[in-house]
Protein backbone atom coordinates (compact mmCIF):
# COMPACT_ATOMS: atom_id res chain seq x y z
CA MET A 1 -34.41 -68.44 68.90
CA LEU A 2 -33.59 -67.77 72.49
CA LEU A 3 -31.50 -70.81 74.09
CA ILE A 4 -30.10 -71.30 77.67
CA VAL A 5 -26.95 -73.10 77.77
CA SER A 6 -25.57 -74.50 80.86
CA TYR A 7 -22.51 -76.39 81.77
CA ASP A 8 -21.01 -78.63 84.34
CA ILE A 9 -17.18 -79.08 83.61
CA PRO A 10 -15.07 -80.40 86.11
CA ASP A 11 -11.68 -79.97 83.93
CA ASP A 12 -10.38 -76.32 84.19
CA LYS A 13 -8.76 -76.32 80.79
CA ARG A 14 -12.04 -77.62 79.02
CA ARG A 15 -13.98 -75.41 80.74
CA THR A 16 -12.31 -72.42 80.03
CA LYS A 17 -12.15 -72.88 76.43
CA LEU A 18 -16.07 -74.04 76.34
CA ALA A 19 -16.56 -70.98 78.28
CA LYS A 20 -14.63 -68.55 75.73
CA LYS A 21 -16.35 -70.35 72.59
CA LEU A 22 -19.63 -69.61 74.34
CA CYS A 23 -18.97 -66.07 74.81
CA GLY A 24 -19.35 -65.60 70.85
CA PHE A 25 -22.33 -67.02 70.55
CA GLY A 26 -24.31 -65.14 73.48
CA LYS A 27 -24.09 -63.38 76.82
CA ARG A 28 -22.64 -64.79 80.08
CA VAL A 29 -25.84 -64.51 82.66
CA GLN A 30 -23.92 -66.56 85.64
CA TYR A 31 -20.54 -68.36 85.74
CA SER A 32 -21.57 -71.46 83.86
CA VAL A 33 -24.97 -70.17 82.20
CA PHE A 34 -25.21 -68.25 78.88
CA GLU A 35 -28.21 -66.72 77.11
CA CYS A 36 -27.93 -67.36 73.19
CA ASP A 37 -30.41 -65.79 70.68
CA LEU A 38 -28.81 -68.02 67.72
CA THR A 39 -30.39 -68.73 64.03
CA LEU A 40 -30.70 -72.66 63.39
CA LYS A 41 -27.23 -72.48 61.36
CA GLN A 42 -25.72 -70.51 64.49
CA LEU A 43 -27.47 -73.00 66.96
CA ALA A 44 -26.09 -76.15 64.45
CA GLU A 45 -22.48 -74.49 64.75
CA LEU A 46 -22.87 -74.08 68.60
CA LYS A 47 -23.46 -77.67 69.26
CA THR A 48 -20.38 -78.74 66.68
CA THR A 49 -18.25 -76.63 68.59
CA ILE A 50 -19.51 -77.89 71.96
CA LYS A 51 -19.26 -81.59 70.77
CA LYS A 52 -15.36 -80.79 69.65
CA ILE A 53 -14.63 -79.55 73.54
CA ILE A 54 -16.32 -81.85 76.24
CA HIS A 55 -15.58 -85.42 77.02
CA THR A 56 -19.34 -86.76 77.15
CA ASP A 57 -17.81 -89.06 80.14
CA ASP A 58 -17.25 -86.28 82.22
CA ASP A 59 -18.82 -82.89 81.02
CA SER A 60 -22.40 -81.93 81.08
CA VAL A 61 -23.78 -79.37 78.89
CA ARG A 62 -27.35 -78.46 78.63
CA ILE A 63 -29.30 -76.48 76.08
CA TYR A 64 -32.68 -74.84 76.70
CA LYS A 65 -34.93 -73.57 73.55
CA LEU A 66 -37.16 -71.06 75.12
CA CYS A 67 -40.49 -70.05 73.21
CA GLN A 68 -41.24 -66.23 72.91
CA THR A 69 -43.71 -66.62 75.60
CA CYS A 70 -41.39 -68.06 78.18
CA ALA A 71 -38.60 -65.71 77.58
CA ASP A 72 -41.20 -62.68 78.20
CA GLU A 73 -41.46 -64.50 81.61
CA ILE A 74 -37.91 -64.51 82.88
CA THR A 75 -37.64 -63.35 86.06
CA SER A 76 -34.29 -61.86 87.10
CA TYR A 77 -32.62 -60.78 90.42
CA GLY A 78 -29.65 -59.02 90.93
CA PRO A 79 -27.41 -56.90 87.94
CA LYS A 80 -29.71 -56.30 85.07
CA LEU A 81 -26.72 -57.07 82.59
CA GLY A 82 -26.20 -60.41 84.42
CA TRP A 83 -22.87 -61.71 85.17
CA GLU A 84 -19.64 -61.13 83.55
CA GLU A 85 -16.01 -60.93 84.28
CA ARG A 86 -14.81 -57.49 85.35
CA GLU A 87 -11.61 -56.13 84.77
CA VAL A 88 -9.48 -54.63 87.55
CA PHE A 89 -7.39 -51.92 87.52
CA ILE A 90 -5.24 -50.30 90.56
CA VAL A 91 -4.30 -46.82 90.34
């Protein structure tokens, strides 16, 4: 199933930790948004991972499940591969 995971975490350490974990579940398409194509087992693991990292009093994480029809209707402007961190090489 295709999922969109978005987050708003004010603490730098928790935000960085969550982002690194999410990279193992899907593709970063914007700074705080990931697209994930997961099985039900992987979704359960994702939810457990999120709950271990965030503080529910301060942090916000949303998971949106997309049906295939909705996924087929995604419109994207800008880079086709989405957002990604880039390494910089100085020559």
